[in-house]
Amino acid sequence: MRLLTDVIDTILNGTEAEKQTLQMSYFEIAPTPEYLKKLGIVGESFTIRYGIITHHRKKDSDHDFTADEWKQICAKITEPFAVERYEKGYNLFLDLMHNNNYVLVGIEVKSVGKSIFVNAVKTVFAKNICTKKDIIHVSKKITPEQQALLNGTNLHQYPAVKR
Protein backbone atom coordinates (compact mmCIF):
# COMPACT_ATOMS: atom_id res chain seq x y z
CA MET A 1 0.00 0.00 0.00
CA ARG A 2 1.41 3.39 -0.98
CA LEU A 3 1.64 6.33 1.38
CA LEU A 4 -0.78 9.18 0.78
CA THR A 5 2.02 11.75 1.11
CA ASP A 6 3.74 10.12 -1.88
CA VAL A 7 0.74 10.48 -4.21
CA ILE A 8 -1.15 13.55 -2.99
CA ASP A 9 0.37 15.91 -5.57
CA THR A 10 -0.66 13.51 -8.36
CA ILE A 11 -4.19 13.16 -6.96
CA LEU A 12 -4.67 16.92 -6.70
CA ASN A 13 -2.62 18.23 -9.63
CA GLY A 14 -1.74 15.33 -11.92
CA THR A 15 -2.92 14.66 -15.45
CA GLU A 16 -6.05 12.58 -16.00
CA ALA A 17 -3.86 9.66 -17.13
CA GLU A 18 -1.80 9.87 -13.94
CA LYS A 19 -4.92 10.10 -11.78
CA GLN A 20 -6.51 7.13 -13.53
CA THR A 21 -3.66 4.87 -12.38
CA LEU A 22 -4.59 5.73 -8.77
CA GLN A 23 -8.34 5.14 -8.99
CA MET A 24 -9.72 2.30 -6.88
CA SER A 25 -6.59 2.54 -4.68
CA TYR A 26 -6.20 2.83 -0.94
CA PHE A 27 -3.38 4.81 0.59
CA GLU A 28 -1.83 4.53 4.01
CA ILE A 29 -1.71 7.77 5.96
CA ALA A 30 0.09 6.77 9.16
CA PRO A 31 0.43 3.89 11.62
CA THR A 32 -1.95 3.90 14.59
CA PRO A 33 -0.36 4.83 17.93
CA GLU A 34 -0.94 2.51 20.88
CA TYR A 35 -2.89 5.11 22.91
CA LEU A 36 -5.49 5.38 20.11
CA LYS A 37 -5.73 1.57 19.91
CA LYS A 38 -6.63 1.56 23.61
CA LEU A 39 -9.54 3.91 22.79
CA GLY A 40 -10.91 1.40 20.24
CA ILE A 41 -9.24 2.71 17.09
CA VAL A 42 -7.63 -0.70 16.67
CA GLY A 43 -6.61 -0.75 13.02
CA GLU A 44 -2.89 -1.03 12.36
CA SER A 45 -2.93 2.12 10.24
CA PHE A 46 -5.07 4.98 8.96
CA THR A 47 -6.05 4.56 5.31
CA ILE A 48 -8.02 6.54 2.75
CA ARG A 49 -9.53 5.67 -0.62
CA TYR A 50 -8.81 7.71 -3.74
CA GLY A 51 -12.54 8.36 -4.12
CA ILE A 52 -12.86 9.93 -0.66
CA ILE A 53 -10.26 12.57 -1.58
CA THR A 54 -11.63 13.36 -5.02
CA HIS A 55 -15.30 13.34 -3.97
CA HIS A 56 -14.71 15.66 -1.04
CA ARG A 57 -12.71 18.16 -3.09
CA LYS A 58 -15.77 18.89 -5.22
CA LYS A 59 -18.20 19.11 -2.31
CA ASP A 60 -17.51 22.59 -0.84
CA SER A 61 -14.72 24.81 0.48
CA ASP A 62 -14.71 23.12 3.92
CA HIS A 63 -13.72 19.83 2.23
CA ASP A 64 -11.29 21.18 -0.40
CA PHE A 65 -7.78 20.84 1.01
CA THR A 66 -4.53 21.84 -0.68
CA ALA A 67 -1.68 19.36 -1.16
CA ASP A 68 0.17 20.98 1.76
CA GLU A 69 -2.90 20.67 4.02
CA TRP A 70 -3.27 16.97 3.11
CA LYS A 71 0.37 16.44 4.07
CA GLN A 72 -0.26 18.20 7.39
CA ILE A 73 -3.32 15.96 7.96
CA CYS A 74 -1.06 12.93 7.42
CA ALA A 75 1.41 14.30 9.98
CA LYS A 76 -1.20 15.26 12.61
CA ILE A 77 -3.71 12.40 12.40
CA THR A 78 -1.87 10.38 15.04
CA GLU A 79 -2.05 13.21 17.61
CA PRO A 80 -5.62 14.60 17.65
CA PHE A 81 -6.45 17.12 20.37
CA ALA A 82 -9.72 15.25 20.92
CA VAL A 83 -11.41 12.00 19.93
CA GLU A 84 -15.17 11.63 19.74
CA ARG A 85 -16.98 8.28 19.54
CA TYR A 86 -20.11 8.05 17.43
CA GLU A 87 -22.32 5.15 16.37
CA LYS A 88 -20.26 4.07 13.35
CA GLY A 89 -16.79 5.22 14.25
CA TYR A 90 -14.68 8.05 15.58
CA ASN A 91 -14.06 11.71 14.88
CA LEU A 92 -10.52 12.95 15.33
CA PHE A 93 -10.12 16.69 15.89
CA LEU A 94 -6.73 17.81 14.56
CA ASP A 95 -4.62 20.77 15.58
CA LEU A 96 -4.84 22.10 12.03
CA MET A 97 -6.90 24.99 10.70
CA HIS A 98 -8.71 25.21 7.34
CA ASN A 99 -11.04 28.14 6.53
CA ASN A 100 -10.41 29.37 10.10
CA ASN A 101 -11.88 26.17 11.56
CA TYR A 102 -10.33 23.00 12.98
CA VAL A 103 -10.00 19.94 10.76
CA LEU A 104 -12.07 16.90 11.70
CA VAL A 105 -11.27 13.42 10.36
CA GLY A 106 -14.08 10.85 10.55
CA ILE A 107 -12.95 7.23 10.57
CA GLU A 108 -14.40 3.75 10.82
CA VAL A 109 -12.50 0.67 11.95
CA LYS A 110 -12.85 -1.85 9.14
CA SER A 111 -11.85 -5.48 8.74
CA VAL A 112 -9.76 -6.10 5.63
CA GLY A 113 -9.01 -9.74 6.33
CA LYS A 114 -8.98 -12.31 9.09
CA SER A 115 -8.03 -10.34 12.22
CA ILE A 116 -6.64 -7.48 10.10
CA PHE A 117 -8.15 -4.04 10.68
CA VAL A 118 -7.58 -0.54 9.31
CA ASN A 119 -8.89 2.84 10.38
CA ALA A 120 -10.61 3.90 7.16
CA VAL A 121 -11.06 7.64 6.68
CA LYS A 122 -14.66 8.37 5.67
CA THR A 123 -14.58 12.18 5.71
CA VAL A 124 -12.25 15.12 6.28
CA PHE A 125 -13.57 18.67 6.68
CA ALA A 126 -13.28 21.94 8.59
CA LYS A 127 -15.61 22.28 11.57
CA ASN A 128 -16.21 25.17 13.96
CA ILE A 129 -18.52 23.57 16.52
CA CYS A 130 -18.86 20.15 18.14
CA THR A 131 -22.48 19.04 18.49
CA LYS A 132 -21.91 15.57 19.88
CA LYS A 133 -20.78 15.01 23.43
CA ASP A 134 -19.24 11.52 23.42
CA ILE A 135 -15.66 12.78 23.77
CA ILE A 136 -13.46 9.84 24.83
CA HIS A 137 -10.05 11.55 24.75
CA VAL A 138 -8.79 15.11 25.20
CA SER A 139 -5.13 16.08 24.85
CA LYS A 140 -3.33 17.54 27.85
CA LYS A 141 -2.15 20.34 25.52
CA ILE A 142 -5.64 21.55 24.53
CA THR A 143 -6.00 25.30 23.86
CA PRO A 144 -8.93 27.51 24.95
CA GLU A 145 -10.17 27.67 21.33
CA GLN A 146 -10.09 23.88 21.06
CA GLN A 147 -11.93 23.55 24.37
CA ALA A 148 -14.57 26.03 23.14
CA LEU A 149 -15.15 23.80 20.10
CA LEU A 150 -15.59 20.74 22.33
CA ASN A 151 -17.96 22.66 24.61
CA GLY A 152 -20.26 23.24 21.65
CA THR A 153 -19.52 26.94 21.33
CA ASN A 154 -18.27 28.64 18.21
CA LEU A 155 -14.53 28.99 18.75
CA HIS A 156 -14.50 32.35 16.95
CA GLN A 157 -16.84 33.86 19.56
CA TYR A 158 -14.49 33.01 22.42
CA PRO A 159 -10.95 34.25 21.76
CA ALA A 160 -8.12 32.86 23.89
CA VAL A 161 -7.09 36.29 25.12
CA LYS A 162 -9.52 38.39 27.15
CA ARG A 163 -9.68 42.06 26.23
C-alpha atoms as a PDB file:
ATOM      1  CA  MET A   1       0.000   0.000   0.000  1.00  0.00           C
ATOM      2  CA  ARG A   2       1.411   3.389  -0.983  1.00  0.00           C
ATOM      3  CA  LEU A   3       1.641   6.329   1.377  1.00  0.00           C
ATOM      4  CA  LEU A   4      -0.776   9.184   0.780  1.00  0.00           C
ATOM      5  CA  THR A   5       2.023  11.748   1.112  1.00  0.00           C
ATOM      6  CA  ASP A   6       3.745  10.118  -1.879  1.00  0.00           C
ATOM      7  CA  VAL A   7       0.742  10.478  -4.207  1.00  0.00           C
ATOM      8  CA  ILE A   8      -1.149  13.547  -2.986  1.00  0.00           C
ATOM      9  CA  ASP A   9       0.372  15.914  -5.575  1.00  0.00           C
ATOM     10  CA  THR A  10      -0.663  13.512  -8.359  1.00  0.00           C
ATOM     11  CA  ILE A  11      -4.186  13.158  -6.959  1.00  0.00           C
ATOM     12  CA  LEU A  12      -4.668  16.918  -6.702  1.00  0.00           C
ATOM     13  CA  ASN A  13      -2.621  18.231  -9.631  1.00  0.00           C
ATOM     14  CA  GLY A  14      -1.740  15.330 -11.917  1.00  0.00           C
ATOM     15  CA  THR A  15      -2.922  14.665 -15.450  1.00  0.00           C
ATOM     16  CA  GLU A  16      -6.046  12.579 -15.998  1.00  0.00           C
ATOM     17  CA  ALA A  17      -3.865   9.665 -17.128  1.00  0.00           C
ATOM     18  CA  GLU A  18      -1.798   9.866 -13.943  1.00  0.00           C
ATOM     19  CA  LYS A  19      -4.919  10.099 -11.779  1.00  0.00           C
ATOM     20  CA  GLN A  20      -6.510   7.129 -13.529  1.00  0.00           C
ATOM     21  CA  THR A  21      -3.664   4.870 -12.378  1.00  0.00           C
ATOM     22  CA  LEU A  22      -4.587   5.731  -8.772  1.00  0.00           C
ATOM     23  CA  GLN A  23      -8.338   5.143  -8.992  1.00  0.00           C
ATOM     24  CA  MET A  24      -9.717   2.297  -6.880  1.00  0.00           C
ATOM     25  CA  SER A  25      -6.593   2.539  -4.684  1.00  0.00           C
ATOM     26  CA  TYR A  26      -6.196   2.830  -0.942  1.00  0.00           C
ATOM     27  CA  PHE A  27      -3.383   4.809   0.593  1.00  0.00           C
ATOM     28  CA  GLU A  28      -1.832   4.528   4.011  1.00  0.00           C
ATOM     29  CA  ILE A  29      -1.713   7.774   5.962  1.00  0.00           C
ATOM     30  CA  ALA A  30       0.093   6.770   9.156  1.00  0.00           C
ATOM     31  CA  PRO A  31       0.428   3.885  11.618  1.00  0.00           C
ATOM     32  CA  THR A  32      -1.950   3.903  14.592  1.00  0.00           C
ATOM     33  CA  PRO A  33      -0.358   4.832  17.928  1.00  0.00           C
ATOM     34  CA  GLU A  34      -0.937   2.514  20.883  1.00  0.00           C
ATOM     35  CA  TYR A  35      -2.894   5.106  22.911  1.00  0.00           C
ATOM     36  CA  LEU A  36      -5.491   5.376  20.108  1.00  0.00           C
ATOM     37  CA  LYS A  37      -5.734   1.573  19.909  1.00  0.00           C
ATOM     38  CA  LYS A  38      -6.631   1.558  23.609  1.00  0.00           C
ATOM     39  CA  LEU A  39      -9.545   3.906  22.794  1.00  0.00           C
ATOM     40  CA  GLY A  40     -10.912   1.398  20.244  1.00  0.00           C
ATOM     41  CA  ILE A  41      -9.241   2.709  17.088  1.00  0.00           C
ATOM     42  CA  VAL A  42      -7.633  -0.702  16.672  1.00  0.00           C
ATOM     43  CA  GLY A  43      -6.607  -0.747  13.019  1.00  0.00           C
ATOM     44  CA  GLU A  44      -2.892  -1.027  12.362  1.00  0.00           C
ATOM     45  CA  SER A  45      -2.930   2.121  10.236  1.00  0.00           C
ATOM     46  CA  PHE A  46      -5.069   4.978   8.956  1.00  0.00           C
ATOM     47  CA  THR A  47      -6.049   4.562   5.308  1.00  0.00           C
ATOM     48  CA  ILE A  48      -8.020   6.539   2.752  1.00  0.00           C
ATOM     49  CA  ARG A  49      -9.529   5.667  -0.624  1.00  0.00           C
ATOM     50  CA  TYR A  50      -8.806   7.711  -3.737  1.00  0.00           C
ATOM     51  CA  GLY A  51     -12.542   8.362  -4.121  1.00  0.00           C
ATOM     52  CA  ILE A  52     -12.858   9.931  -0.660  1.00  0.00           C
ATOM     53  CA  ILE A  53     -10.257  12.565  -1.577  1.00  0.00           C
ATOM     54  CA  THR A  54     -11.632  13.364  -5.023  1.00  0.00           C
ATOM     55  CA  HIS A  55     -15.304  13.339  -3.966  1.00  0.00           C
ATOM     56  CA  HIS A  56     -14.713  15.659  -1.038  1.00  0.00           C
ATOM     57  CA  ARG A  57     -12.711  18.157  -3.090  1.00  0.00           C
ATOM     58  CA  LYS A  58     -15.765  18.890  -5.224  1.00  0.00           C
ATOM     59  CA  LYS A  59     -18.195  19.110  -2.306  1.00  0.00           C
ATOM     60  CA  ASP A  60     -17.514  22.594  -0.841  1.00  0.00           C
ATOM     61  CA  SER A  61     -14.720  24.813   0.483  1.00  0.00           C
ATOM     62  CA  ASP A  62     -14.712  23.120   3.917  1.00  0.00           C
ATOM     63  CA  HIS A  63     -13.720  19.827   2.234  1.00  0.00           C
ATOM     64  CA  ASP A  64     -11.292  21.177  -0.401  1.00  0.00           C
ATOM     65  CA  PHE A  65      -7.776  20.845   1.012  1.00  0.00           C
ATOM     66  CA  THR A  66      -4.527  21.836  -0.676  1.00  0.00           C
ATOM     67  CA  ALA A  67      -1.680  19.362  -1.156  1.00  0.00           C
ATOM     68  CA  ASP A  68       0.172  20.979   1.758  1.00  0.00           C
ATOM     69  CA  GLU A  69      -2.903  20.666   4.017  1.00  0.00           C
ATOM     70  CA  TRP A  70      -3.268  16.968   3.115  1.00  0.00           C
ATOM     71  CA  LYS A  71       0.370  16.437   4.065  1.00  0.00           C
ATOM     72  CA  GLN A  72      -0.258  18.197   7.392  1.00  0.00           C
ATOM     73  CA  ILE A  73      -3.318  15.963   7.963  1.00  0.00           C
ATOM     74  CA  CYS A  74      -1.060  12.935   7.419  1.00  0.00           C
ATOM     75  CA  ALA A  75       1.406  14.303   9.978  1.00  0.00           C
ATOM     76  CA  LYS A  76      -1.199  15.263  12.609  1.00  0.00           C
ATOM     77  CA  ILE A  77      -3.713  12.396  12.404  1.00  0.00           C
ATOM     78  CA  THR A  78      -1.866  10.378  15.043  1.00  0.00           C
ATOM     79  CA  GLU A  79      -2.051  13.215  17.608  1.00  0.00           C
ATOM     80  CA  PRO A  80      -5.620  14.600  17.651  1.00  0.00           C
ATOM     81  CA  PHE A  81      -6.452  17.123  20.374  1.00  0.00           C
ATOM     82  CA  ALA A  82      -9.719  15.246  20.923  1.00  0.00           C
ATOM     83  CA  VAL A  83     -11.411  11.997  19.926  1.00  0.00           C
ATOM     84  CA  GLU A  84     -15.172  11.627  19.743  1.00  0.00           C
ATOM     85  CA  ARG A  85     -16.976   8.278  19.538  1.00  0.00           C
ATOM     86  CA  TYR A  86     -20.108   8.053  17.428  1.00  0.00           C
ATOM     87  CA  GLU A  87     -22.317   5.151  16.368  1.00  0.00           C
ATOM     88  CA  LYS A  88     -20.258   4.069  13.346  1.00  0.00           C
ATOM     89  CA  GLY A  89     -16.788   5.216  14.249  1.00  0.00           C
ATOM     90  CA  TYR A  90     -14.680   8.049  15.583  1.00  0.00           C
ATOM     91  CA  ASN A  91     -14.059  11.715  14.875  1.00  0.00           C
ATOM     92  CA  LEU A  92     -10.518  12.954  15.330  1.00  0.00           C
ATOM     93  CA  PHE A  93     -10.115  16.687  15.892  1.00  0.00           C
ATOM     94  CA  LEU A  94      -6.735  17.811  14.563  1.00  0.00           C
ATOM     95  CA  ASP A  95      -4.624  20.773  15.578  1.00  0.00           C
ATOM     96  CA  LEU A  96      -4.839  22.102  12.033  1.00  0.00           C
ATOM     97  CA  MET A  97      -6.899  24.994  10.701  1.00  0.00           C
ATOM     98  CA  HIS A  98      -8.711  25.213   7.338  1.00  0.00           C
ATOM     99  CA  ASN A  99     -11.037  28.143   6.534  1.00  0.00           C
ATOM    100  CA  ASN A 100     -10.405  29.367  10.103  1.00  0.00           C
ATOM    101  CA  ASN A 101     -11.877  26.167  11.558  1.00  0.00           C
ATOM    102  CA  TYR A 102     -10.333  23.002  12.977  1.00  0.00           C
ATOM    103  CA  VAL A 103     -10.002  19.944  10.763  1.00  0.00           C
ATOM    104  CA  LEU A 104     -12.075  16.899  11.700  1.00  0.00           C
ATOM    105  CA  VAL A 105     -11.266  13.424  10.361  1.00  0.00           C
ATOM    106  CA  GLY A 106     -14.076  10.853  10.548  1.00  0.00           C
ATOM    107  CA  ILE A 107     -12.946   7.232  10.571  1.00  0.00           C
ATOM    108  CA  GLU A 108     -14.403   3.747  10.816  1.00  0.00           C
ATOM    109  CA  VAL A 109     -12.496   0.675  11.946  1.00  0.00           C
ATOM    110  CA  LYS A 110     -12.853  -1.852   9.136  1.00  0.00           C
ATOM    111  CA  SER A 111     -11.847  -5.481   8.736  1.00  0.00           C
ATOM    112  CA  VAL A 112      -9.761  -6.097   5.627  1.00  0.00           C
ATOM    113  CA  GLY A 113      -9.010  -9.738   6.329  1.00  0.00           C
ATOM    114  CA  LYS A 114      -8.976 -12.307   9.088  1.00  0.00           C
ATOM    115  CA  SER A 115      -8.027 -10.338  12.218  1.00  0.00           C
ATOM    116  CA  ILE A 116      -6.645  -7.478  10.100  1.00  0.00           C
ATOM    117  CA  PHE A 117      -8.148  -4.039  10.677  1.00  0.00           C
ATOM    118  CA  VAL A 118      -7.579  -0.542   9.315  1.00  0.00           C
ATOM    119  CA  ASN A 119      -8.893   2.838  10.381  1.00  0.00           C
ATOM    120  CA  ALA A 120     -10.612   3.898   7.161  1.00  0.00           C
ATOM    121  CA  VAL A 121     -11.057   7.637   6.685  1.00  0.00           C
ATOM    122  CA  LYS A 122     -14.662   8.374   5.671  1.00  0.00           C
ATOM    123  CA  THR A 123     -14.579  12.181   5.708  1.00  0.00           C
ATOM    124  CA  VAL A 124     -12.252  15.125   6.285  1.00  0.00           C
ATOM    125  CA  PHE A 125     -13.572  18.667   6.683  1.00  0.00           C
ATOM    126  CA  ALA A 126     -13.280  21.944   8.588  1.00  0.00           C
ATOM    127  CA  LYS A 127     -15.609  22.282  11.575  1.00  0.00           C
ATOM    128  CA  ASN A 128     -16.212  25.171  13.961  1.00  0.00           C
ATOM    129  CA  ILE A 129     -18.518  23.572  16.523  1.00  0.00           C
ATOM    130  CA  CYS A 130     -18.862  20.149  18.139  1.00  0.00           C
ATOM    131  CA  THR A 131     -22.476  19.039  18.488  1.00  0.00           C
ATOM    132  CA  LYS A 132     -21.910  15.568  19.879  1.00  0.00           C
ATOM    133  CA  LYS A 133     -20.775  15.008  23.430  1.00  0.00           C
ATOM    134  CA  ASP A 134     -19.237  11.519  23.422  1.00  0.00           C
ATOM    135  CA  ILE A 135     -15.656  12.782  23.766  1.00  0.00           C
ATOM    136  CA  ILE A 136     -13.457   9.839  24.831  1.00  0.00           C
ATOM    137  CA  HIS A 137     -10.051  11.552  24.749  1.00  0.00           C
ATOM    138  CA  VAL A 138      -8.792  15.105  25.201  1.00  0.00           C
ATOM    139  CA  SER A 139      -5.134  16.084  24.849  1.00  0.00           C
ATOM    140  CA  LYS A 140      -3.329  17.542  27.850  1.00  0.00           C
ATOM    141  CA  LYS A 141      -2.146  20.342  25.524  1.00  0.00           C
ATOM    142  CA  ILE A 142      -5.636  21.554  24.528  1.00  0.00           C
ATOM    143  CA  THR A 143      -6.001  25.299  23.860  1.00  0.00           C
ATOM    144  CA  PRO A 144      -8.930  27.509  24.953  1.00  0.00           C
ATOM    145  CA  GLU A 145     -10.171  27.674  21.329  1.00  0.00           C
ATOM    146  CA  GLN A 146     -10.093  23.884  21.060  1.00  0.00           C
ATOM    147  CA  GLN A 147     -11.934  23.545  24.366  1.00  0.00           C
ATOM    148  CA  ALA A 148     -14.571  26.030  23.137  1.00  0.00           C
ATOM    149  CA  LEU A 149     -15.155  23.801  20.095  1.00  0.00           C
ATOM    150  CA  LEU A 150     -15.592  20.736  22.330  1.00  0.00           C
ATOM    151  CA  ASN A 151     -17.962  22.659  24.611  1.00  0.00           C
ATOM    152  CA  GLY A 152     -20.264  23.245  21.654  1.00  0.00           C
ATOM    153  CA  THR A 153     -19.522  26.940  21.332  1.00  0.00           C
ATOM    154  CA  ASN A 154     -18.274  28.636  18.207  1.00  0.00           C
ATOM    155  CA  LEU A 155     -14.532  28.986  18.749  1.00  0.00           C
ATOM    156  CA  HIS A 156     -14.500  32.350  16.951  1.00  0.00           C
ATOM    157  CA  GLN A 157     -16.835  33.861  19.560  1.00  0.00           C
ATOM    158  CA  TYR A 158     -14.493  33.014  22.419  1.00  0.00           C
ATOM    159  CA  PRO A 159     -10.954  34.253  21.759  1.00  0.00           C
ATOM    160  CA  ALA A 160      -8.121  32.855  23.893  1.00  0.00           C
ATOM    161  CA  VAL A 161      -7.086  36.291  25.122  1.00  0.00           C
ATOM    162  CA  LYS A 162      -9.517  38.393  27.153  1.00  0.00           C
ATOM    163  CA  ARG A 163      -9.677  42.060  26.228  1.00  0.00           C
END
